[in-house]
Each structure stands twice: as C-alpha cells, then as structure tokens.
Amino acid sequence: MSPDPTFCGLKGQSLVYLVTFCCSIGFLLFGYDLGFMGGVTTSPLFLETFGNPDAALLGFMVSSYDIGCLLGAVLSFFIGDHLGRRMMIVAGGIWVLVGAVLQASSFSMAQFLVGRIIGGVGMGHMTTAIPIWLTESASAKKRGRMMAMQLSNLIMGLIIANWVDYGMAKIDGSIQWRFPVALQCIFCVLVMSLCMFLPESPRWLMQKGREVEARKSLAALRGGALDSEIVESEFRDIQTAIMIESHHVSSWMDIFRDGGISGFTRVMTGFNANFFQQLSGVNVMSSLGPYIFQHSVGFDRNQALMVSGGQQIFYFLSSIIPWFVIDRAGRRKLFMLGSFGMGVCMALSAVFIGIGGKGLGYAAVVVLYIYQTFFTLGWQSTLWIYPSEILPLKLRLRGGAIAVVSQWLFTFVVVEITPPMITNITYKSYIVFAAFNFLAIVVVYFTFPETANRPLEAVDLLFADRDGKRPSIWRVVQDSVSKDFDAEYELHRLEQQNSMEIGKKTGEEYEMDEDFKGMSSHVENVN
C-alpha cells in the first residue's frame, strides 16, 4: 500500500497552511509595494533626485506602478491558463525583482518609471494567480479563513513599509529612499522559492487532463490516501464540473457572452466587486497615507509618518476579526456592513477636515483609523476570494484577470487623482468616496450572490437554467441565500456521480448537459 502523498513532508490542513503562508508572503509583498511610496514621496532627498515633481507628477510616479499591474493582469489573461497557478506567481516574482532593481538604482525619472511599471507587471501576475491558487487548494469550509489570514499579511507589508520609511527618514543620503525600494527583493525571492515545492491546483491539473497529478495534489491537500472517500468525492465533483463546462464553454470569448454558464454576468460581478473596493477610497490611505495626513489633516512630516505607521498597526489588528466571521457571516453581509461603515467614516472625515482646527484634525485621524476596521471586515479578505468563487473553472483565471484589471485600473485612477483632489477640493474629496460606498450597498444587495461555504462546483448551479431559461442575476441572488437550494445540490451531486459510474461501466456517454438542465427545473419546483 503506497503512503499518503505529501509535499514538504506535510499533508492535509498543515499543507494548506503552508500554501496559505506562501500566498501570504506574496500579498505581504503586495502590501509593501503599496505602502513604501507613501513615505518615500515625502523624502526631500527623493524629491530632489527627481527634480521636485509637482503634485500631479508625484501622483503619476506612485500610480505608474498600477499601470504595470494592469498590464500584468491583461498578460495573465492570455498566458495564465498555460502556465498554471504556481508558475504564474514565479513569473510575477521575476518581473517584480527586475523592477525593484531598476527603481532602487535610478538617477533619472525615466528609469524610475520604467522600473515601477515592470514591477507592476509582476504584481499583476501575482494578484491574479495567488487568490485562485489558494481558493482552489483550500476546502469549502475554510476558504474564507485562509484568505483572511493571507490578507492580514498584506497589511503586515504596509506596516513594514511605513516603519521602514520612518526609520530610514533619520538617515542622510540617498539610501534614505533606495533601501525601502530595494527591500522588495527579499520577499520576491522567498515567495518564488516556496512555490517550487508546493502542490499545483488540483482543479487546474484536472482541466489540463493531468488526472494522476491532480489526484496526488488533492490527496495531499485533504490529507487522505489517493483512493480515500473524501479525495474520491471531491475528485468526482471537479470531474463533473469539467464535463458540464465542456458542453458549453468553447473559447476565451465566453467571458464576454453567456456561453451557456452566464460567463459575462459572472465576470462582471467580479469586475464590479473590484471597482467598488477601489472607489471606497482605501488606497488613498494605503498608498498615500503620510501625504494625506501631512497635506489634508495638517501634520508635519514626522507626525504624518508616525500616525500613518500607527494606522497600519491598527489596520493589522482589525484584520484578525475576519478570521472568525468571514465564513459564518458570508460574503454579502460583510460587503454591505463594510460599505456602510466606510461611507459613514468618509462623510465624518469630510465634516471634520472641512471645519478644520487641531481638535477636529485629531478627530479625523480617529475616524480614518475606524475606516480601516470596516474596510478589512467588509472589503479586504472578502473581495480577494469572491471573484475566484463566483467564476467557473474554465473562466476562473481569465475572468480573475479581468477582475484584477478592474482592481488596478481604478487603483491607478484613485492614486493618480487623489493629490490634485486634496489640493483643489480639499474636504469634498471624502464626500466623493462616501457616495461610492453607499452606492455599493445597493449594488451588492441586488447583484452579488452568496458563495460562502459552498464547494466551488456548487456555485455553477446557481447560474443554471430555470425551466429552460437563464435566470436573472436577482433570481441567482435569491437562490444563493436559500437553504433548500443547497440541499438539492447535494442530492443532485450524488445522482451525477452515480450516473457517471453507470456510464463508465456500460460504456455509454453520460449526457451531463440535459441532466443539469433537468436538475435546474427540479430546483425551481422545490424553491
């Protein structure tokens, strides 16, 4: 009898934790890259090196990274499904490494901007592949918690960036800003090294027809033997989903049309989720925190760096809360709660900063601290796992890339316009972000289905036909909160697997398409 498969000597949840740790280092790098420019842009030596750029050009120096990330996500769209989840992360790490070297050694604006864009391409790869890899590796009941733990490390990256900036501000010479830029390299090497020793996504392997490797990977991640019941059951579920999709999905163009699986609707849901996360204003604080506290609230540079660093520590502590509630409360409730809290905080910030005064300046700081709690509860961990859950297997990487394009496109817009907004319309900037947060509540309520605690393959059923017709997104949302629907899925899953076994024994092809439609009609009657 062969031993249970392992990777790095680990199996089961211990191995999933190691995958989560690897993903966490990738997102720590993400957070660090978002955060270190906030302090660097207030460094007189940095500004002098590049000719003391005005607010608009300074904003572009920060946001050029987001252009690279957007390009990286677009490139992932075309090559991601060929490379696989792990190799996409490794490829991204190489891009980031090259970009970091170019930035740290810059003496001209052109070289620095090229380095920022190249590094961004790599982060676009990584932020596309990492959430999908973790989502496809973790079990349904623990996906949310694994993602929440990973996202806490994004905040740890922000903390490291802020305090490295603060510490280096005390040192004379260009190392004051070159060292924070170069520090990215350490995280790059670590995440690339770990990836090489961990299991590939079993779902990607199955999609590529590599069933032996897929079974080994799945057995190791679930901690069972190759032929154990838990491994066999999930293996068949994946097999079933691939068979269903093979009847419908014909090309990558299905992300722009129905394609038999509501492809466009599901891709747009992921796109909209990223849109509203960025228009919440979170990257105003993540990428430009010291700048905001210095130019909007009125602190000097030392105070701004201190307050920004303290905010990131508070942010990290807040991020622990989703570890315990994300899988219990579900995605929809947390999205709406987070948007309401962030909207109120942004509105109060507008009032406090608009009236002005030292006391209200401190009050604005407190409110912006609380804002981070609502963001991490509602739109941090939940956002990064949601597109991977909502998308079907064949469109998961490409649809995820489109969602990440939204992430980086609107990150660029927000980071680019924030310095001029703060300069020109001051406190009214916060009113704009408050309005988008309140709008998000309405959009989530009517168009975001619940995906928590469901097998990835079960989410496909939410979008299946009802009486031969494609359901509206509102109908999908209603079914997604129905317990009857989940019970019927479990019954049908067993029927599908039995039918597949009968088909194998008799040599007949199992018509999954018709059976799937019939089941959808039956669910209509049950509900």
Protein backbone atom coordinates (compact mmCIF):
# COMPACT_ATOMS: atom_id res chain seq x y z
CA MET A 1 0.00 0.00 0.00
CA SER A 2 1.53 3.35 -1.06
CA PRO A 3 1.91 6.08 1.58
CA ASP A 4 -0.33 9.15 1.57
CA PRO A 5 1.05 11.88 -0.75
CA THR A 6 2.87 14.78 0.94
CA PHE A 7 4.64 17.99 -0.06
CA CYS A 8 7.48 19.33 2.08
CA GLY A 9 6.67 16.46 4.44
CA LEU A 10 3.20 17.89 5.10
CA LYS A 11 -0.36 16.91 4.19
CA GLY A 12 -3.93 17.94 4.98
CA GLN A 13 -4.62 21.23 6.72
CA SER A 14 -0.92 21.63 7.62
CA LEU A 15 -0.11 21.68 3.92
CA VAL A 16 -2.96 24.11 3.23
CA TYR A 17 -1.49 26.38 5.92
CA LEU A 18 1.88 26.25 4.15
CA VAL A 19 0.22 27.17 0.84
CA THR A 20 -1.53 29.99 2.70
CA PHE A 21 1.81 31.12 4.14
CA CYS A 22 3.37 31.21 0.68
CA CYS A 23 0.41 33.20 -0.65
CA SER A 24 0.69 35.44 2.40
CA ILE A 25 4.28 36.34 1.56
CA GLY A 26 3.11 37.25 -1.94
CA PHE A 27 0.45 39.53 -0.50
CA LEU A 28 2.90 40.90 2.09
CA LEU A 29 4.99 41.97 -0.93
CA PHE A 30 1.81 43.44 -2.43
CA GLY A 31 1.15 45.45 0.73
CA TYR A 32 4.77 46.56 0.96
CA ASP A 33 4.73 47.77 -2.65
CA LEU A 34 1.52 49.69 -1.99
CA GLY A 35 2.90 51.30 1.15
CA PHE A 36 6.56 52.23 0.77
CA MET A 37 5.96 55.03 -1.75
CA GLY A 38 3.78 56.88 0.77
CA GLY A 39 6.81 57.70 2.92
CA VAL A 40 9.28 57.95 0.04
CA THR A 41 7.22 60.71 -1.63
CA THR A 42 7.69 62.90 1.46
CA SER A 43 11.50 62.46 1.44
CA PRO A 44 13.29 65.71 0.42
CA LEU A 45 16.22 63.68 -0.96
CA PHE A 46 13.91 61.59 -3.15
CA LEU A 47 12.10 64.67 -4.43
CA GLU A 48 15.40 66.44 -5.13
CA THR A 49 16.74 63.43 -7.08
CA PHE A 50 13.80 63.65 -9.48
CA GLY A 51 13.58 67.41 -9.84
CA ASN A 52 10.99 68.19 -7.14
CA PRO A 53 7.91 66.99 -9.11
CA ASP A 54 4.59 68.78 -8.62
CA ALA A 55 1.53 67.03 -7.13
CA ALA A 56 0.29 65.68 -10.46
CA LEU A 57 3.68 64.22 -11.47
CA LEU A 58 4.22 62.84 -7.98
CA GLY A 59 0.86 61.14 -8.20
CA PHE A 60 1.90 59.58 -11.52
CA MET A 61 5.17 58.31 -10.02
CA VAL A 62 3.08 56.40 -7.49
CA SER A 63 0.30 55.32 -9.85
CA SER A 64 2.61 54.21 -12.71
CA TYR A 65 3.02 51.02 -10.70
CA ASP A 66 -0.71 50.46 -11.06
CA ILE A 67 -0.41 50.81 -14.84
CA GLY A 68 2.13 47.98 -14.75
CA CYS A 69 -0.17 45.90 -12.55
CA LEU A 70 -2.99 46.42 -15.01
CA LEU A 71 -0.74 45.31 -17.90
CA GLY A 72 0.33 42.30 -15.85
CA ALA A 73 -3.28 41.29 -15.29
CA VAL A 74 -4.02 41.64 -19.01
CA LEU A 75 -0.97 39.50 -19.83
CA SER A 76 -2.17 36.91 -17.29
CA PHE A 77 -5.41 36.72 -19.25
CA PHE A 78 -3.52 35.31 -22.25
CA ILE A 79 -0.81 33.15 -20.64
CA GLY A 80 -2.14 32.28 -17.18
CA ASP A 81 -4.05 29.14 -18.12
CA HIS A 82 -0.98 27.78 -19.91
CA LEU A 83 1.49 28.38 -17.08
CA GLY A 84 -0.66 27.26 -14.15
CA ARG A 85 -1.16 28.96 -10.80
CA ARG A 86 2.29 28.42 -9.27
CA MET A 87 4.32 29.29 -12.36
CA MET A 88 2.32 32.50 -12.80
CA ILE A 89 3.38 33.50 -9.29
CA VAL A 90 7.03 32.66 -10.01
CA ALA A 91 6.91 34.61 -13.30
CA GLY A 92 5.41 37.56 -11.42
CA GLY A 93 8.19 37.42 -8.83
CA ILE A 94 10.83 37.66 -11.56
CA TRP A 95 9.18 40.79 -13.00
CA VAL A 96 8.96 42.41 -9.55
CA LEU A 97 12.62 41.60 -8.86
CA VAL A 98 13.78 43.28 -12.07
CA GLY A 99 11.56 46.30 -11.42
CA ALA A 100 12.85 46.71 -7.86
CA VAL A 101 16.49 46.72 -9.03
CA LEU A 102 15.73 49.36 -11.68
CA GLN A 103 13.91 51.60 -9.19
CA ALA A 104 16.50 51.32 -6.43
CA SER A 105 19.33 52.23 -8.81
CA SER A 106 17.53 55.14 -10.51
CA PHE A 107 19.02 58.57 -11.11
CA SER A 108 16.50 59.64 -13.74
CA MET A 109 12.74 59.93 -13.81
CA ALA A 110 12.54 57.71 -16.91
CA GLN A 111 14.41 54.79 -15.30
CA PHE A 112 12.35 55.02 -12.13
CA LEU A 113 9.06 55.00 -14.04
CA VAL A 114 10.17 52.03 -16.18
CA GLY A 115 11.11 50.16 -13.01
CA ARG A 116 7.74 50.97 -11.43
CA ILE A 117 5.85 49.68 -14.48
CA ILE A 118 7.95 46.48 -14.78
CA GLY A 119 7.49 45.74 -11.09
CA GLY A 120 3.78 46.38 -11.52
CA VAL A 121 3.54 43.83 -14.33
CA GLY A 122 4.84 41.20 -11.92
CA MET A 123 2.39 42.17 -9.20
CA GLY A 124 -0.43 41.99 -11.75
CA HIS A 125 0.56 38.36 -12.37
CA MET A 126 0.75 37.57 -8.67
CA THR A 127 -2.52 39.21 -7.63
CA THR A 128 -4.30 37.32 -10.41
CA ALA A 129 -2.88 33.88 -9.61
CA ILE A 130 -2.49 33.86 -5.81
CA PRO A 131 -6.18 34.16 -4.79
CA ILE A 132 -7.16 31.49 -7.34
CA TRP A 133 -4.42 29.10 -6.20
CA LEU A 134 -5.45 29.42 -2.56
CA THR A 135 -9.19 29.25 -3.33
CA GLU A 136 -8.73 26.05 -5.36
CA SER A 137 -6.47 24.48 -2.72
CA ALA A 138 -8.46 25.16 0.47
CA SER A 139 -11.61 23.29 1.50
CA ALA A 140 -15.04 24.93 1.14
CA LYS A 141 -15.48 25.38 4.90
CA LYS A 142 -12.12 27.11 5.41
CA ARG A 143 -11.58 29.10 2.21
CA GLY A 144 -12.64 32.37 3.78
CA ARG A 145 -10.45 31.99 6.85
CA MET A 146 -7.39 31.05 4.76
CA MET A 147 -7.90 34.13 2.61
CA ALA A 148 -8.42 36.34 5.67
CA MET A 149 -5.16 35.07 7.17
CA GLN A 150 -3.39 35.75 3.88
CA LEU A 151 -4.78 39.28 3.65
CA SER A 152 -3.59 40.11 7.16
CA ASN A 153 -0.11 39.75 5.74
CA LEU A 154 -0.91 42.35 3.10
CA ILE A 155 -1.38 44.74 6.00
CA MET A 156 1.84 43.49 7.57
CA GLY A 157 3.52 44.57 4.34
CA LEU A 158 2.01 48.03 4.77
CA ILE A 159 3.24 48.15 8.37
CA ILE A 160 6.77 47.15 7.38
CA ALA A 161 6.75 49.74 4.60
CA ASN A 162 5.59 52.56 6.87
CA TRP A 163 8.06 51.86 9.65
CA VAL A 164 10.97 51.25 7.27
CA ASP A 165 10.17 54.66 5.74
CA TYR A 166 10.02 56.18 9.21
CA GLY A 167 13.33 54.65 10.30
CA MET A 168 15.16 55.50 7.09
CA ALA A 169 13.98 59.13 7.32
CA LYS A 170 16.54 59.58 10.13
CA ILE A 171 19.45 58.60 7.83
CA ASP A 172 21.25 61.00 5.50
CA GLY A 173 21.99 60.17 1.89
CA SER A 174 20.04 58.56 -0.94
CA ILE A 175 19.91 55.27 0.98
CA GLN A 176 17.05 57.00 2.81
CA TRP A 177 14.78 56.11 -0.12
CA ARG A 178 16.82 53.50 -2.04
CA PHE A 179 16.79 50.95 0.78
CA PRO A 180 12.96 50.88 1.14
CA VAL A 181 12.71 50.38 -2.63
CA ALA A 182 15.27 47.55 -2.70
CA LEU A 183 13.76 45.69 0.26
CA GLN A 184 11.10 44.23 -2.07
CA CYS A 185 13.70 41.79 -3.41
CA ILE A 186 13.81 39.72 -0.21
CA PHE A 187 10.07 39.00 -0.30
CA CYS A 188 10.26 38.17 -4.03
CA VAL A 189 12.93 35.53 -3.57
CA LEU A 190 11.12 33.95 -0.62
CA VAL A 191 7.75 33.53 -2.39
CA MET A 192 9.35 32.19 -5.59
CA SER A 193 11.39 29.64 -3.64
CA LEU A 194 8.40 28.36 -1.67
CA CYS A 195 6.21 28.00 -4.77
CA MET A 196 8.55 25.45 -6.30
CA PHE A 197 7.95 22.92 -3.51
CA LEU A 198 4.17 23.18 -3.10
CA PRO A 199 1.30 21.41 -4.92
CA GLU A 200 -0.28 22.85 -8.04
CA SER A 201 -4.03 23.48 -8.00
CA PRO A 202 -5.77 20.11 -8.49
CA ARG A 203 -8.51 21.84 -10.46
CA TRP A 204 -6.05 23.33 -12.95
CA LEU A 205 -4.33 19.95 -13.32
CA MET A 206 -7.68 18.28 -13.96
CA GLN A 207 -8.59 20.91 -16.52
CA LYS A 208 -5.33 20.12 -18.35
CA GLY A 209 -6.05 16.39 -18.32
CA ARG A 210 -3.29 15.60 -15.79
CA GLU A 211 -5.51 13.43 -13.60
CA VAL A 212 -2.76 11.45 -11.85
CA GLU A 213 -1.04 14.64 -10.68
CA ALA A 214 -4.40 16.19 -9.79
CA ARG A 215 -5.34 13.25 -7.58
CA LYS A 216 -1.95 13.35 -5.84
CA SER A 217 -2.24 17.09 -5.23
CA LEU A 218 -5.81 16.78 -3.97
CA ALA A 219 -4.96 13.83 -1.69
CA ALA A 220 -2.07 15.75 -0.15
CA LEU A 221 -4.19 18.87 0.42
CA ARG A 222 -7.02 16.87 2.01
CA GLY A 223 -4.70 14.60 4.00
CA GLY A 224 -6.07 11.33 2.63
CA ALA A 225 -4.97 8.36 0.60
CA LEU A 226 -5.25 8.52 -3.19
CA ASP A 227 -8.38 6.36 -3.10
CA SER A 228 -9.91 7.65 0.14
CA GLU A 229 -13.59 8.62 0.20
CA ILE A 230 -13.00 12.34 0.78
CA VAL A 231 -10.50 12.56 -2.08
CA GLU A 232 -12.64 10.48 -4.42
CA SER A 233 -15.75 12.57 -3.72
CA GLU A 234 -14.08 15.92 -4.41
CA PHE A 235 -12.22 14.48 -7.39
CA ARG A 236 -15.54 13.43 -8.93
CA ASP A 237 -17.07 16.85 -8.21
CA ILE A 238 -14.25 18.52 -10.13
CA GLN A 239 -14.59 15.96 -12.91
CA THR A 240 -18.33 16.63 -13.09
CA ALA A 241 -17.84 20.40 -13.31
CA ILE A 242 -15.34 19.99 -16.14
CA MET A 243 -17.75 17.72 -18.02
CA ILE A 244 -20.57 20.24 -17.62
CA GLU A 245 -18.42 23.10 -18.86
CA SER A 246 -17.14 21.07 -21.80
CA HIS A 247 -20.69 21.14 -23.21
CA HIS A 248 -20.82 24.93 -23.08
CA VAL A 249 -17.53 26.80 -22.93
CA SER A 250 -15.84 26.94 -26.31
CA SER A 251 -13.36 29.84 -26.18
CA TRP A 252 -11.99 32.66 -24.07
CA MET A 253 -14.59 34.93 -25.72
CA ASP A 254 -17.14 33.39 -23.35
CA ILE A 255 -16.05 35.96 -20.77
CA PHE A 256 -17.90 38.49 -22.94
CA ARG A 257 -21.06 36.42 -23.51
CA ASP A 258 -23.34 33.99 -21.78
CA GLY A 259 -21.58 30.88 -23.14
CA GLY A 260 -24.12 28.55 -21.50
CA ILE A 261 -22.77 29.34 -18.00
CA SER A 262 -23.62 33.05 -17.55
CA GLY A 263 -19.97 33.80 -18.26
CA PHE A 264 -20.28 37.55 -18.82
CA THR A 265 -22.57 38.06 -15.82
CA ARG A 266 -20.13 36.29 -13.52
CA VAL A 267 -17.09 38.10 -14.90
CA MET A 268 -18.83 41.46 -14.46
CA THR A 269 -19.73 40.60 -10.88
CA GLY A 270 -16.04 40.09 -10.13
CA PHE A 271 -15.19 43.27 -12.04
CA ASN A 272 -17.76 45.31 -10.10
CA ALA A 273 -16.52 43.98 -6.77
CA ASN A 274 -13.02 45.26 -7.51
CA PHE A 275 -14.41 48.56 -8.81
CA PHE A 276 -16.28 49.29 -5.59
CA GLN A 277 -13.36 48.23 -3.41
CA GLN A 278 -11.12 50.82 -5.03
CA LEU A 279 -13.72 53.58 -5.17
CA SER A 280 -14.19 53.09 -1.42
CA GLY A 281 -11.02 55.19 -1.06
CA VAL A 282 -8.90 52.54 0.63
CA ASN A 283 -5.80 53.19 -1.47
CA VAL A 284 -5.92 56.84 -0.54
CA MET A 285 -4.79 55.64 2.88
CA SER A 286 -2.68 52.65 1.81
CA SER A 287 -0.58 54.33 -0.88
CA LEU A 288 -0.69 57.97 0.23
CA GLY A 289 -1.27 57.83 3.99
CA PRO A 290 1.62 60.12 5.04
CA TYR A 291 0.77 62.52 2.20
CA ILE A 292 -2.88 62.69 3.35
CA PHE A 293 -2.01 63.30 7.00
CA GLN A 294 0.52 65.96 6.02
CA HIS A 295 -1.44 67.86 3.37
CA SER A 296 -5.07 67.20 4.33
CA VAL A 297 -5.05 66.94 8.13
CA GLY A 298 -2.12 69.36 8.62
CA PHE A 299 0.61 67.34 10.39
CA ASP A 300 4.33 67.85 9.80
CA ARG A 301 6.30 65.07 8.06
CA ASN A 302 7.42 63.31 11.25
CA GLN A 303 3.88 63.33 12.70
CA ALA A 304 2.42 62.15 9.39
CA LEU A 305 4.79 59.17 9.23
CA MET A 306 4.11 58.28 12.87
CA VAL A 307 0.33 58.48 12.52
CA SER A 308 0.38 56.54 9.23
CA GLY A 309 2.56 53.81 10.77
CA GLY A 310 0.22 53.58 13.76
CA GLN A 311 -2.76 53.36 11.46
CA GLN A 312 -1.31 50.32 9.70
CA ILE A 313 -0.77 48.55 13.04
CA PHE A 314 -4.40 49.25 13.91
CA TYR A 315 -5.33 48.03 10.44
CA PHE A 316 -3.49 44.75 11.04
CA LEU A 317 -5.21 44.15 14.38
CA SER A 318 -8.58 44.83 12.75
CA SER A 319 -7.79 42.30 10.03
CA ILE A 320 -7.83 39.47 12.57
CA ILE A 321 -11.61 39.91 13.05
CA PRO A 322 -12.49 38.41 9.62
CA TRP A 323 -10.60 35.22 10.52
CA PHE A 324 -13.52 34.33 12.77
CA VAL A 325 -16.53 35.79 10.94
CA ILE A 326 -15.94 35.58 7.18
CA ASP A 327 -17.23 32.02 6.79
CA ARG A 328 -20.01 32.46 9.36
CA ALA A 329 -21.46 35.78 8.21
CA GLY A 330 -20.99 35.13 4.49
CA ARG A 331 -19.76 37.45 1.78
CA ARG A 332 -22.84 39.61 1.11
CA LYS A 333 -23.43 40.77 4.68
CA LEU A 334 -19.80 41.70 5.17
CA PHE A 335 -19.69 43.62 1.87
CA MET A 336 -22.71 45.68 2.89
CA LEU A 337 -21.62 46.21 6.50
CA GLY A 338 -18.17 47.32 5.38
CA SER A 339 -19.56 49.76 2.81
CA PHE A 340 -21.93 51.33 5.33
CA GLY A 341 -19.18 51.81 7.91
CA MET A 342 -16.70 53.20 5.36
CA GLY A 343 -19.32 55.57 3.96
CA VAL A 344 -20.05 56.99 7.40
CA CYS A 345 -16.33 57.36 8.20
CA MET A 346 -15.60 59.17 4.94
CA ALA A 347 -18.58 61.50 5.49
CA LEU A 348 -17.40 62.34 9.02
CA SER A 349 -13.86 62.95 7.73
CA ALA A 350 -15.25 65.46 5.25
CA VAL A 351 -17.05 67.29 8.08
CA PHE A 352 -14.05 67.34 10.44
CA ILE A 353 -11.50 68.38 7.82
CA GLY A 354 -13.92 70.88 6.26
CA ILE A 355 -14.49 72.70 9.57
CA GLY A 356 -10.80 72.47 10.45
CA GLY A 357 -8.93 73.06 13.67
CA LYS A 358 -6.44 70.98 15.63
CA GLY A 359 -9.07 69.12 17.66
CA LEU A 360 -11.12 68.12 14.64
CA GLY A 361 -7.90 67.16 12.85
CA TYR A 362 -7.31 64.56 15.55
CA ALA A 363 -10.97 63.50 15.27
CA ALA A 364 -10.45 62.96 11.52
CA VAL A 365 -7.48 60.71 12.29
CA VAL A 366 -9.61 58.61 14.66
CA VAL A 367 -12.35 58.26 12.06
CA LEU A 368 -9.84 57.23 9.38
CA TYR A 369 -8.49 54.61 11.77
CA ILE A 370 -12.01 53.22 12.24
CA TYR A 371 -12.46 53.32 8.46
CA GLN A 372 -9.69 50.70 8.17
CA THR A 373 -11.59 48.37 10.52
CA PHE A 374 -14.70 48.48 8.34
CA PHE A 375 -12.62 48.01 5.21
CA THR A 376 -10.80 44.93 6.44
CA LEU A 377 -14.06 43.46 7.74
CA GLY A 378 -16.07 44.09 4.59
CA TRP A 379 -13.88 44.50 1.53
CA GLN A 380 -10.44 43.08 2.11
CA SER A 381 -10.49 39.31 2.60
CA THR A 382 -13.97 39.00 1.10
CA LEU A 383 -13.08 40.84 -2.10
CA TRP A 384 -9.98 38.81 -2.91
CA ILE A 385 -11.73 35.46 -2.58
CA TYR A 386 -15.08 36.41 -4.14
CA PRO A 387 -14.20 36.53 -7.88
CA SER A 388 -12.45 33.15 -7.63
CA GLU A 389 -15.59 31.68 -6.04
CA ILE A 390 -18.08 33.21 -8.44
CA LEU A 391 -16.28 32.24 -11.66
CA PRO A 392 -16.50 28.81 -13.37
CA LEU A 393 -13.33 26.73 -13.66
CA LYS A 394 -12.64 27.33 -17.35
CA LEU A 395 -13.04 31.09 -16.95
CA ARG A 396 -11.53 31.37 -13.47
CA LEU A 397 -8.07 32.57 -14.50
CA ARG A 398 -9.21 34.76 -17.38
CA GLY A 399 -12.20 36.13 -15.50
CA GLY A 400 -9.99 36.63 -12.46
CA ALA A 401 -7.56 38.56 -14.66
CA ILE A 402 -10.41 40.83 -15.80
CA ALA A 403 -11.36 41.39 -12.15
CA VAL A 404 -7.76 42.29 -11.32
CA VAL A 405 -7.68 44.64 -14.32
CA SER A 406 -10.57 46.45 -12.61
CA GLN A 407 -8.61 46.44 -9.34
CA TRP A 408 -5.54 48.06 -10.87
CA LEU A 409 -7.34 50.34 -13.31
CA PHE A 410 -9.27 52.03 -10.53
CA THR A 411 -6.34 51.90 -8.13
CA PHE A 412 -4.46 53.91 -10.76
CA VAL A 413 -7.35 56.36 -11.10
CA VAL A 414 -7.69 56.86 -7.34
CA VAL A 415 -3.95 57.20 -6.62
CA GLU A 416 -3.48 59.48 -9.64
CA ILE A 417 -6.29 61.90 -8.81
CA THR A 418 -6.01 61.99 -5.02
CA PRO A 419 -3.11 64.51 -4.66
CA PRO A 420 -4.78 67.02 -7.05
CA MET A 421 -8.17 66.39 -5.39
CA ILE A 422 -6.76 67.09 -1.93
CA THR A 423 -5.10 70.25 -3.28
CA ASN A 424 -8.10 71.56 -5.22
CA ILE A 425 -11.31 70.45 -3.50
CA THR A 426 -9.89 69.55 -0.05
CA TYR A 427 -12.56 68.02 2.25
CA LYS A 428 -15.00 67.41 -0.63
CA SER A 429 -12.71 64.56 -1.77
CA TYR A 430 -14.01 62.48 1.13
CA ILE A 431 -17.64 63.13 0.12
CA VAL A 432 -16.95 61.53 -3.28
CA PHE A 433 -15.65 58.34 -1.64
CA ALA A 434 -18.54 58.30 0.85
CA ALA A 435 -21.05 58.38 -2.04
CA PHE A 436 -19.43 55.39 -3.75
CA ASN A 437 -19.51 53.40 -0.51
CA PHE A 438 -23.25 53.97 -0.06
CA LEU A 439 -23.89 53.09 -3.71
CA ALA A 440 -22.01 49.81 -3.22
CA ILE A 441 -24.59 48.65 -0.64
CA VAL A 442 -27.36 48.79 -3.24
CA VAL A 443 -25.32 47.03 -5.93
CA VAL A 444 -24.26 44.23 -3.56
CA TYR A 445 -27.80 43.64 -2.33
CA PHE A 446 -29.26 43.16 -5.81
CA THR A 447 -26.40 41.63 -7.82
CA PHE A 448 -23.91 39.78 -5.56
CA PRO A 449 -24.84 36.10 -4.92
CA GLU A 450 -23.72 34.41 -1.70
CA THR A 451 -20.83 31.95 -2.17
CA ALA A 452 -19.67 31.20 1.39
CA ASN A 453 -19.32 27.55 2.49
CA ARG A 454 -20.23 26.20 -0.94
CA PRO A 455 -17.99 23.90 -2.98
CA LEU A 456 -16.73 25.83 -6.00
CA GLU A 457 -18.62 23.41 -8.22
CA ALA A 458 -21.90 24.18 -6.39
CA VAL A 459 -21.73 27.85 -7.35
CA ASP A 460 -22.09 26.84 -11.01
CA LEU A 461 -25.55 25.51 -10.24
CA LEU A 462 -26.76 28.93 -9.09
CA PHE A 463 -26.41 30.17 -12.65
CA ALA A 464 -28.02 27.13 -14.32
CA ASP A 465 -31.27 27.42 -16.31
CA ARG A 466 -34.65 27.64 -14.58
CA ASP A 467 -37.31 25.91 -16.70
CA GLY A 468 -35.08 26.19 -19.75
CA LYS A 469 -34.40 29.92 -19.25
CA ARG A 470 -31.32 31.71 -17.96
CA PRO A 471 -32.14 33.25 -14.56
CA SER A 472 -31.77 36.95 -13.85
CA ILE A 473 -28.98 37.96 -11.52
CA TRP A 474 -31.59 38.88 -8.90
CA ARG A 475 -33.00 35.35 -9.09
CA VAL A 476 -29.50 33.95 -8.67
CA VAL A 477 -29.05 36.13 -5.60
CA GLN A 478 -32.33 34.89 -4.12
CA ASP A 479 -31.39 31.24 -4.68
CA SER A 480 -27.93 31.82 -3.23
CA VAL A 481 -29.42 32.52 0.20
CA SER A 482 -31.83 29.56 0.05
CA LYS A 483 -31.02 26.51 2.17
CA ASP A 484 -33.34 24.42 0.00
CA PHE A 485 -31.11 25.11 -2.95
CA ASP A 486 -28.02 23.77 -1.16
CA ALA A 487 -29.86 20.61 -0.09
CA GLU A 488 -30.97 19.97 -3.66
CA TYR A 489 -27.44 20.47 -4.95
CA GLU A 490 -26.12 17.80 -2.60
CA LEU A 491 -28.80 15.35 -3.76
CA HIS A 492 -28.07 16.03 -7.41
CA ARG A 493 -24.30 15.77 -6.87
CA LEU A 494 -24.75 12.18 -5.75
CA GLU A 495 -27.05 11.46 -8.70
CA GLN A 496 -24.49 12.86 -11.12
CA GLN A 497 -21.70 10.76 -9.69
CA ASN A 498 -23.82 7.60 -9.83
CA SER A 499 -24.78 8.33 -13.43
CA MET A 500 -21.13 8.83 -14.34
CA GLU A 501 -20.24 5.47 -12.78
CA ILE A 502 -23.05 3.73 -14.67
CA GLY A 503 -21.86 5.37 -17.87
CA LYS A 504 -18.32 4.12 -17.29
CA LYS A 505 -19.48 0.56 -16.66
CA THR A 506 -21.81 0.41 -19.67
CA GLY A 507 -19.53 2.36 -21.99
CA GLU A 508 -22.25 4.94 -22.68
CA GLU A 509 -21.60 8.65 -22.80
CA TYR A 510 -23.32 10.47 -19.96
CA GLU A 511 -25.32 13.45 -21.22
CA MET A 512 -24.42 15.86 -18.46
CA ASP A 513 -25.96 18.84 -20.23
CA GLU A 514 -29.53 17.55 -20.22
CA ASP A 515 -29.27 16.16 -16.72
CA PHE A 516 -28.01 19.52 -15.49
CA LYS A 517 -30.95 21.32 -17.05
CA GLY A 518 -33.40 18.83 -15.59
CA MET A 519 -31.97 19.30 -12.17
CA SER A 520 -32.33 23.07 -12.54
CA SER A 521 -36.03 22.69 -13.31
CA HIS A 522 -36.45 20.46 -10.29
CA VAL A 523 -34.81 23.04 -8.07
CA GLU A 524 -37.24 25.61 -9.43
CA ASN A 525 -40.13 23.45 -8.20
CA VAL A 526 -38.52 22.81 -4.81
CA ASN A 527 -37.99 26.51 -4.19
